[in-house]
PDB file of all heavy atoms in Angstrom:
ATOM      1  N   ASN A   1      -1.020  -4.034  -5.784  1.00  0.00           N
ATOM      2  CA  ASN A   1      -1.156  -3.723  -4.350  1.00  0.00           C
ATOM      3  C   ASN A   1      -0.529  -4.776  -3.440  1.00  0.00           C
ATOM      4  O   ASN A   1      -1.105  -5.167  -2.430  1.00  0.00           O
ATOM      5  CB  ASN A   1      -2.633  -3.533  -3.987  1.00  0.00           C
ATOM      6  CG  ASN A   1      -3.180  -2.225  -4.504  1.00  0.00           C
ATOM      7  OD1 ASN A   1      -2.526  -1.189  -4.423  1.00  0.00           O
ATOM      8  ND2 ASN A   1      -4.368  -2.263  -5.074  1.00  0.00           N
ATOM      9  N   ALA A   2       0.646  -5.235  -3.802  1.00  0.00           N
ATOM     10  CA  ALA A   2       1.411  -6.153  -2.957  1.00  0.00           C
ATOM     11  C   ALA A   2       2.679  -5.433  -2.518  1.00  0.00           C
ATOM     12  O   ALA A   2       3.488  -5.031  -3.359  1.00  0.00           O
ATOM     13  CB  ALA A   2       1.751  -7.435  -3.708  1.00  0.00           C
ATOM     14  N   SER A   3       2.848  -5.266  -1.222  1.00  0.00           N
ATOM     15  CA  SER A   3       4.005  -4.522  -0.704  1.00  0.00           C
ATOM     16  C   SER A   3       5.234  -5.417  -0.689  1.00  0.00           C
ATOM     17  O   SER A   3       5.687  -5.882   0.354  1.00  0.00           O
ATOM     18  CB  SER A   3       3.707  -3.994   0.700  1.00  0.00           C
ATOM     19  OG  SER A   3       3.334  -5.059   1.558  1.00  0.00           O
ATOM     20  N   ILE A   4       5.776  -5.649  -1.882  1.00  0.00           N
ATOM     21  CA  ILE A   4       6.950  -6.510  -2.049  1.00  0.00           C
ATOM     22  C   ILE A   4       8.178  -5.631  -2.245  1.00  0.00           C
ATOM     23  O   ILE A   4       8.164  -4.700  -3.060  1.00  0.00           O
ATOM     24  CB  ILE A   4       6.769  -7.439  -3.265  1.00  0.00           C
ATOM     25  CG1 ILE A   4       5.521  -8.313  -3.084  1.00  0.00           C
ATOM     26  CG2 ILE A   4       8.002  -8.299  -3.477  1.00  0.00           C
ATOM     27  CD1 ILE A   4       5.189  -9.142  -4.304  1.00  0.00           C
ATOM     28  N   LEU A   5       9.222  -5.916  -1.507  1.00  0.00           N
ATOM     29  CA  LEU A   5      10.473  -5.173  -1.658  1.00  0.00           C
ATOM     30  C   LEU A   5      11.256  -5.792  -2.811  1.00  0.00           C
ATOM     31  O   LEU A   5      11.983  -6.776  -2.634  1.00  0.00           O
ATOM     32  CB  LEU A   5      11.283  -5.209  -0.365  1.00  0.00           C
ATOM     33  CG  LEU A   5      12.581  -4.400  -0.383  1.00  0.00           C
ATOM     34  CD1 LEU A   5      12.291  -2.921  -0.596  1.00  0.00           C
ATOM     35  CD2 LEU A   5      13.353  -4.598   0.906  1.00  0.00           C
ATOM     36  N   SER A   6      11.090  -5.230  -3.990  1.00  0.00           N
ATOM     37  CA  SER A   6      11.742  -5.765  -5.182  1.00  0.00           C
ATOM     38  C   SER A   6      11.912  -4.642  -6.190  1.00  0.00           C
ATOM     39  O   SER A   6      11.023  -3.792  -6.346  1.00  0.00           O
ATOM     40  CB  SER A   6      10.894  -6.895  -5.788  1.00  0.00           C
ATOM     41  OG  SER A   6      11.379  -7.257  -7.065  1.00  0.00           O
ATOM     42  N   TRP A   7      13.067  -4.657  -6.879  1.00  0.00           N
ATOM     43  CA  TRP A   7      13.306  -3.688  -7.948  1.00  0.00           C
ATOM     44  C   TRP A   7      12.868  -4.221  -9.302  1.00  0.00           C
ATOM     45  O   TRP A   7      13.025  -3.530 -10.310  1.00  0.00           O
ATOM     46  CB  TRP A   7      14.779  -3.307  -7.982  1.00  0.00           C
ATOM     47  CG  TRP A   7      15.199  -2.436  -6.842  1.00  0.00           C
ATOM     48  CD1 TRP A   7      15.898  -2.811  -5.734  1.00  0.00           C
ATOM     49  CD2 TRP A   7      14.929  -1.045  -6.674  1.00  0.00           C
ATOM     50  NE1 TRP A   7      16.079  -1.744  -4.888  1.00  0.00           N
ATOM     51  CE2 TRP A   7      15.495  -0.641  -5.440  1.00  0.00           C
ATOM     52  CE3 TRP A   7      14.252  -0.091  -7.441  1.00  0.00           C
ATOM     53  CZ2 TRP A   7      15.416   0.665  -4.976  1.00  0.00           C
ATOM     54  CZ3 TRP A   7      14.166   1.213  -6.969  1.00  0.00           C
ATOM     55  CH2 TRP A   7      14.748   1.573  -5.758  1.00  0.00           C
ATOM     56  N   ASN A   8      12.347  -5.422  -9.344  1.00  0.00           N
ATOM     57  CA  ASN A   8      11.854  -5.993 -10.589  1.00  0.00           C
ATOM     58  C   ASN A   8      10.561  -5.296 -10.993  1.00  0.00           C
ATOM     59  O   ASN A   8       9.581  -5.296 -10.240  1.00  0.00           O
ATOM     60  CB  ASN A   8      11.620  -7.497 -10.424  1.00  0.00           C
ATOM     61  CG  ASN A   8      11.318  -8.183 -11.745  1.00  0.00           C
ATOM     62  OD1 ASN A   8      11.112  -7.535 -12.778  1.00  0.00           O
ATOM     63  ND2 ASN A   8      11.287  -9.503 -11.726  1.00  0.00           N
ATOM     64  N   LEU A   9      10.538  -4.716 -12.171  1.00  0.00           N
ATOM     65  CA  LEU A   9       9.356  -3.977 -12.615  1.00  0.00           C
ATOM     66  C   LEU A   9       8.171  -4.881 -12.907  1.00  0.00           C
ATOM     67  O   LEU A   9       7.033  -4.400 -12.975  1.00  0.00           O
ATOM     68  CB  LEU A   9       9.696  -3.162 -13.877  1.00  0.00           C
ATOM     69  CG  LEU A   9      10.781  -2.103 -13.728  1.00  0.00           C
ATOM     70  CD1 LEU A   9      11.024  -1.409 -15.059  1.00  0.00           C
ATOM     71  CD2 LEU A   9      10.413  -1.090 -12.662  1.00  0.00           C
ATOM     72  N   LEU A  10       8.406  -6.170 -13.070  1.00  0.00           N
ATOM     73  CA  LEU A  10       7.324  -7.100 -13.393  1.00  0.00           C
ATOM     74  C   LEU A  10       6.712  -7.723 -12.148  1.00  0.00           C
ATOM     75  O   LEU A  10       5.841  -8.592 -12.265  1.00  0.00           O
ATOM     76  CB  LEU A  10       7.824  -8.193 -14.343  1.00  0.00           C
ATOM     77  CG  LEU A  10       8.372  -7.694 -15.683  1.00  0.00           C
ATOM     78  CD1 LEU A  10       8.823  -8.862 -16.545  1.00  0.00           C
ATOM     79  CD2 LEU A  10       7.334  -6.861 -16.424  1.00  0.00           C
ATOM     80  N   ASP A  11       7.161  -7.320 -10.964  1.00  0.00           N
ATOM     81  CA  ASP A  11       6.553  -7.778  -9.715  1.00  0.00           C
ATOM     82  C   ASP A  11       5.448  -6.815  -9.302  1.00  0.00           C
ATOM     83  O   ASP A  11       5.514  -5.615  -9.577  1.00  0.00           O
ATOM     84  CB  ASP A  11       7.598  -7.860  -8.599  1.00  0.00           C
ATOM     85  CG  ASP A  11       8.552  -9.030  -8.791  1.00  0.00           C
ATOM     86  OD1 ASP A  11       8.172  -9.985  -9.508  1.00  0.00           O
ATOM     87  OD2 ASP A  11       9.670  -8.980  -8.241  1.00  0.00           O
ATOM     88  N   SER A  12       4.448  -7.357  -8.630  1.00  0.00           N
ATOM     89  CA  SER A  12       3.406  -6.493  -8.078  1.00  0.00           C
ATOM     90  C   SER A  12       4.023  -5.561  -7.049  1.00  0.00           C
ATOM     91  O   SER A  12       5.014  -5.897  -6.386  1.00  0.00           O
ATOM     92  CB  SER A  12       2.304  -7.326  -7.438  1.00  0.00           C
ATOM     93  OG  SER A  12       1.630  -8.103  -8.402  1.00  0.00           O
ATOM     94  N   THR A  13       3.424  -4.402  -6.897  1.00  0.00           N
ATOM     95  CA  THR A  13       3.975  -3.400  -5.998  1.00  0.00           C
ATOM     96  C   THR A  13       2.843  -2.638  -5.331  1.00  0.00           C
ATOM     97  O   THR A  13       1.674  -2.835  -5.650  1.00  0.00           O
ATOM     98  CB  THR A  13       4.909  -2.429  -6.755  1.00  0.00           C
ATOM     99  OG1 THR A  13       5.618  -1.627  -5.827  1.00  0.00           O
ATOM    100  CG2 THR A  13       4.108  -1.540  -7.695  1.00  0.00           C
ATOM    101  N   ARG A  14       3.200  -1.795  -4.411  1.00  0.00           N
ATOM    102  CA  ARG A  14       2.213  -0.983  -3.677  1.00  0.00           C
ATOM    103  C   ARG A  14       2.816   0.385  -3.431  1.00  0.00           C
ATOM    104  O   ARG A  14       3.952   0.490  -2.959  1.00  0.00           O
ATOM    105  CB  ARG A  14       1.846  -1.656  -2.358  1.00  0.00           C
ATOM    106  CG  ARG A  14       0.661  -1.025  -1.626  1.00  0.00           C
ATOM    107  CD  ARG A  14       0.375  -1.803  -0.362  1.00  0.00           C
ATOM    108  NE  ARG A  14      -0.776  -1.284   0.362  1.00  0.00           N
ATOM    109  CZ  ARG A  14      -2.024  -1.718   0.202  1.00  0.00           C
ATOM    110  NH1 ARG A  14      -2.274  -2.678  -0.669  1.00  0.00           N
ATOM    111  NH2 ARG A  14      -3.021  -1.208   0.900  1.00  0.00           N
ATOM    112  N   THR A  15       2.081   1.430  -3.727  1.00  0.00           N
ATOM    113  CA  THR A  15       2.575   2.790  -3.585  1.00  0.00           C
ATOM    114  C   THR A  15       2.029   3.435  -2.313  1.00  0.00           C
ATOM    115  O   THR A  15       1.100   2.921  -1.678  1.00  0.00           O
ATOM    116  CB  THR A  15       2.174   3.646  -4.796  1.00  0.00           C
ATOM    117  OG1 THR A  15       0.741   3.769  -4.827  1.00  0.00           O
ATOM    118  CG2 THR A  15       2.653   3.007  -6.091  1.00  0.00           C
ATOM    119  N   ILE A  16       2.616   4.568  -1.969  1.00  0.00           N
ATOM    120  CA  ILE A  16       2.171   5.284  -0.771  1.00  0.00           C
ATOM    121  C   ILE A  16       0.740   5.774  -0.935  1.00  0.00           C
ATOM    122  O   ILE A  16      -0.096   5.630  -0.027  1.00  0.00           O
ATOM    123  CB  ILE A  16       3.119   6.462  -0.496  1.00  0.00           C
ATOM    124  CG1 ILE A  16       4.515   5.954  -0.142  1.00  0.00           C
ATOM    125  CG2 ILE A  16       2.591   7.342   0.629  1.00  0.00           C
ATOM    126  CD1 ILE A  16       5.538   7.057   0.035  1.00  0.00           C
ATOM    127  N   THR A  17       0.444   6.360  -2.086  1.00  0.00           N
ATOM    128  CA  THR A  17      -0.896   6.912  -2.292  1.00  0.00           C
ATOM    129  C   THR A  17      -1.959   5.816  -2.284  1.00  0.00           C
ATOM    130  O   THR A  17      -3.044   6.001  -1.715  1.00  0.00           O
ATOM    131  CB  THR A  17      -0.945   7.676  -3.621  1.00  0.00           C
ATOM    132  OG1 THR A  17      -0.459   6.824  -4.684  1.00  0.00           O
ATOM    133  CG2 THR A  17      -0.081   8.918  -3.564  1.00  0.00           C
ATOM    134  N   ALA A  18      -1.668   4.685  -2.909  1.00  0.00           N
ATOM    135  CA  ALA A  18      -2.631   3.578  -2.913  1.00  0.00           C
ATOM    136  C   ALA A  18      -2.840   3.031  -1.503  1.00  0.00           C
ATOM    137  O   ALA A  18      -3.956   2.646  -1.135  1.00  0.00           O
ATOM    138  CB  ALA A  18      -2.144   2.467  -3.844  1.00  0.00           C
ATOM    139  N   THR A  19      -1.783   2.993  -0.709  1.00  0.00           N
ATOM    140  CA  THR A  19      -1.897   2.514   0.676  1.00  0.00           C
ATOM    141  C   THR A  19      -2.801   3.427   1.497  1.00  0.00           C
ATOM    142  O   THR A  19      -3.675   2.962   2.240  1.00  0.00           O
ATOM    143  CB  THR A  19      -0.505   2.435   1.318  1.00  0.00           C
ATOM    144  OG1 THR A  19       0.326   1.549   0.561  1.00  0.00           O
ATOM    145  CG2 THR A  19      -0.598   1.934   2.747  1.00  0.00           C
ATOM    146  N   ILE A  20      -2.609   4.725   1.361  1.00  0.00           N
ATOM    147  CA  ILE A  20      -3.442   5.670   2.105  1.00  0.00           C
ATOM    148  C   ILE A  20      -4.902   5.556   1.678  1.00  0.00           C
ATOM    149  O   ILE A  20      -5.819   5.524   2.514  1.00  0.00           O
ATOM    150  CB  ILE A  20      -2.923   7.105   1.907  1.00  0.00           C
ATOM    151  CG1 ILE A  20      -1.513   7.245   2.494  1.00  0.00           C
ATOM    152  CG2 ILE A  20      -3.863   8.114   2.543  1.00  0.00           C
ATOM    153  CD1 ILE A  20      -0.861   8.580   2.214  1.00  0.00           C
ATOM    154  N   ALA A  21      -5.135   5.474   0.368  1.00  0.00           N
ATOM    155  CA  ALA A  21      -6.510   5.405  -0.123  1.00  0.00           C
ATOM    156  C   ALA A  21      -7.202   4.110   0.279  1.00  0.00           C
ATOM    157  O   ALA A  21      -8.398   4.107   0.588  1.00  0.00           O
ATOM    158  CB  ALA A  21      -6.511   5.543  -1.648  1.00  0.00           C
ATOM    159  N   ALA A  22      -6.466   3.007   0.291  1.00  0.00           N
ATOM    160  CA  ALA A  22      -7.077   1.712   0.566  1.00  0.00           C
ATOM    161  C   ALA A  22      -7.285   1.450   2.049  1.00  0.00           C
ATOM    162  O   ALA A  22      -8.214   0.730   2.427  1.00  0.00           O
ATOM    163  CB  ALA A  22      -6.217   0.597  -0.043  1.00  0.00           C
ATOM    164  N   GLU A  23      -6.447   2.031   2.912  1.00  0.00           N
ATOM    165  CA  GLU A  23      -6.461   1.645   4.317  1.00  0.00           C
ATOM    166  C   GLU A  23      -6.976   2.710   5.280  1.00  0.00           C
ATOM    167  O   GLU A  23      -7.334   2.379   6.417  1.00  0.00           O
ATOM    168  CB  GLU A  23      -5.039   1.241   4.754  1.00  0.00           C
ATOM    169  CG  GLU A  23      -4.481   0.059   3.979  1.00  0.00           C
ATOM    170  CD  GLU A  23      -3.070  -0.314   4.414  1.00  0.00           C
ATOM    171  OE1 GLU A  23      -2.601   0.273   5.407  1.00  0.00           O
ATOM    172  OE2 GLU A  23      -2.451  -1.166   3.757  1.00  0.00           O
ATOM    173  N   LEU A  24      -7.044   3.960   4.848  1.00  0.00           N
ATOM    174  CA  LEU A  24      -7.420   5.014   5.788  1.00  0.00           C
ATOM    175  C   LEU A  24      -8.859   4.851   6.282  1.00  0.00           C
ATOM    176  O   LEU A  24      -9.155   5.123   7.453  1.00  0.00           O
ATOM    177  CB  LEU A  24      -7.242   6.384   5.142  1.00  0.00           C
ATOM    178  CG  LEU A  24      -7.436   7.596   6.064  1.00  0.00           C
ATOM    179  CD1 LEU A  24      -6.470   7.523   7.243  1.00  0.00           C
ATOM    180  CD2 LEU A  24      -7.233   8.894   5.303  1.00  0.00           C
ATOM    181  N   ALA A  25      -9.753   4.396   5.414  1.00  0.00           N
ATOM    182  CA  ALA A  25     -11.148   4.247   5.821  1.00  0.00           C
ATOM    183  C   ALA A  25     -11.327   3.133   6.849  1.00  0.00           C
ATOM    184  O   ALA A  25     -12.302   3.147   7.611  1.00  0.00           O
ATOM    185  CB  ALA A  25     -12.019   3.968   4.597  1.00  0.00           C
ATOM    186  N   GLU A  26     -10.404   2.164   6.881  1.00  0.00           N
ATOM    187  CA  GLU A  26     -10.518   1.042   7.813  1.00  0.00           C
ATOM    188  C   GLU A  26      -9.704   1.244   9.088  1.00  0.00           C
ATOM    189  O   GLU A  26      -9.840   0.453  10.028  1.00  0.00           O
ATOM    190  CB  GLU A  26     -10.053  -0.244   7.123  1.00  0.00           C
ATOM    191  CG  GLU A  26     -10.861  -0.579   5.868  1.00  0.00           C
ATOM    192  CD  GLU A  26     -10.344  -1.819   5.155  1.00  0.00           C
ATOM    193  OE1 GLU A  26      -9.334  -2.367   5.634  1.00  0.00           O
ATOM    194  OE2 GLU A  26     -10.926  -2.209   4.138  1.00  0.00           O
ATOM    195  N   ALA A  27      -8.877   2.274   9.121  1.00  0.00           N
ATOM    196  CA  ALA A  27      -8.045   2.511  10.302  1.00  0.00           C
ATOM    197  C   ALA A  27      -8.875   3.149  11.414  1.00  0.00           C
ATOM    198  O   ALA A  27      -9.746   3.984  11.162  1.00  0.00           O
ATOM    199  CB  ALA A  27      -6.868   3.414   9.949  1.00  0.00           C
ATOM    200  N   VAL A  28      -8.608   2.729  12.633  1.00  0.00           N
ATOM    201  CA  VAL A  28      -9.307   3.284  13.799  1.00  0.00           C
ATOM    202  C   VAL A  28      -8.830   4.712  14.026  1.00  0.00           C
ATOM    203  O   VAL A  28      -7.626   4.983  14.047  1.00  0.00           O
ATOM    204  CB  VAL A  28      -9.057   2.417  15.043  1.00  0.00           C
ATOM    205  CG1 VAL A  28      -9.740   3.031  16.268  1.00  0.00           C
ATOM    206  CG2 VAL A  28      -9.547   1.008  14.807  1.00  0.00           C
ATOM    207  N   PHE A  29      -9.775   5.624  14.206  1.00  0.00           N
ATOM    208  CA  PHE A  29      -9.430   7.030  14.397  1.00  0.00           C
ATOM    209  C   PHE A  29      -8.539   7.195  15.642  1.00  0.00           C
ATOM    210  O   PHE A  29      -8.890   6.747  16.738  1.00  0.00           O
ATOM    211  CB  PHE A  29     -10.698   7.876  14.563  1.00  0.00           C
ATOM    212  CG  PHE A  29     -10.427   9.322  14.826  1.00  0.00           C
ATOM    213  CD1 PHE A  29     -10.094  10.167  13.790  1.00  0.00           C
ATOM    214  CD2 PHE A  29     -10.480   9.832  16.112  1.00  0.00           C
ATOM    215  CE1 PHE A  29      -9.837  11.507  14.019  1.00  0.00           C
ATOM    216  CE2 PHE A  29     -10.217  11.162  16.368  1.00  0.00           C
ATOM    217  CZ  PHE A  29      -9.893  12.003  15.311  1.00  0.00           C
ATOM    218  N   GLY A  30      -7.398   7.812  15.441  1.00  0.00           N
ATOM    219  CA  GLY A  30      -6.474   8.055  16.542  1.00  0.00           C
ATOM    220  C   GLY A  30      -5.565   6.889  16.871  1.00  0.00           C
ATOM    221  O   GLY A  30      -4.691   7.018  17.725  1.00  0.00           O
ATOM    222  N   GLY A  31      -5.748   5.719  16.206  1.00  0.00           N
ATOM    223  CA  GLY A  31      -4.901   4.566  16.472  1.00  0.00           C
ATOM    224  C   GLY A  31      -3.555   4.670  15.793  1.00  0.00           C
ATOM    225  O   GLY A  31      -3.276   5.603  15.031  1.00  0.00           O
TER     226      GLY A  31
END
C-alpha cells in the first residue's frame, strides 16, 4: 500500500481497489 511510481515488481505498490477500500470510509461525504 505504498503509492510509488515504479515498474519494479519488488517495490511496494498500491492499487485502485485497495485505495478505495482503505480511504472511502475516512473521506468526508461530498468532499
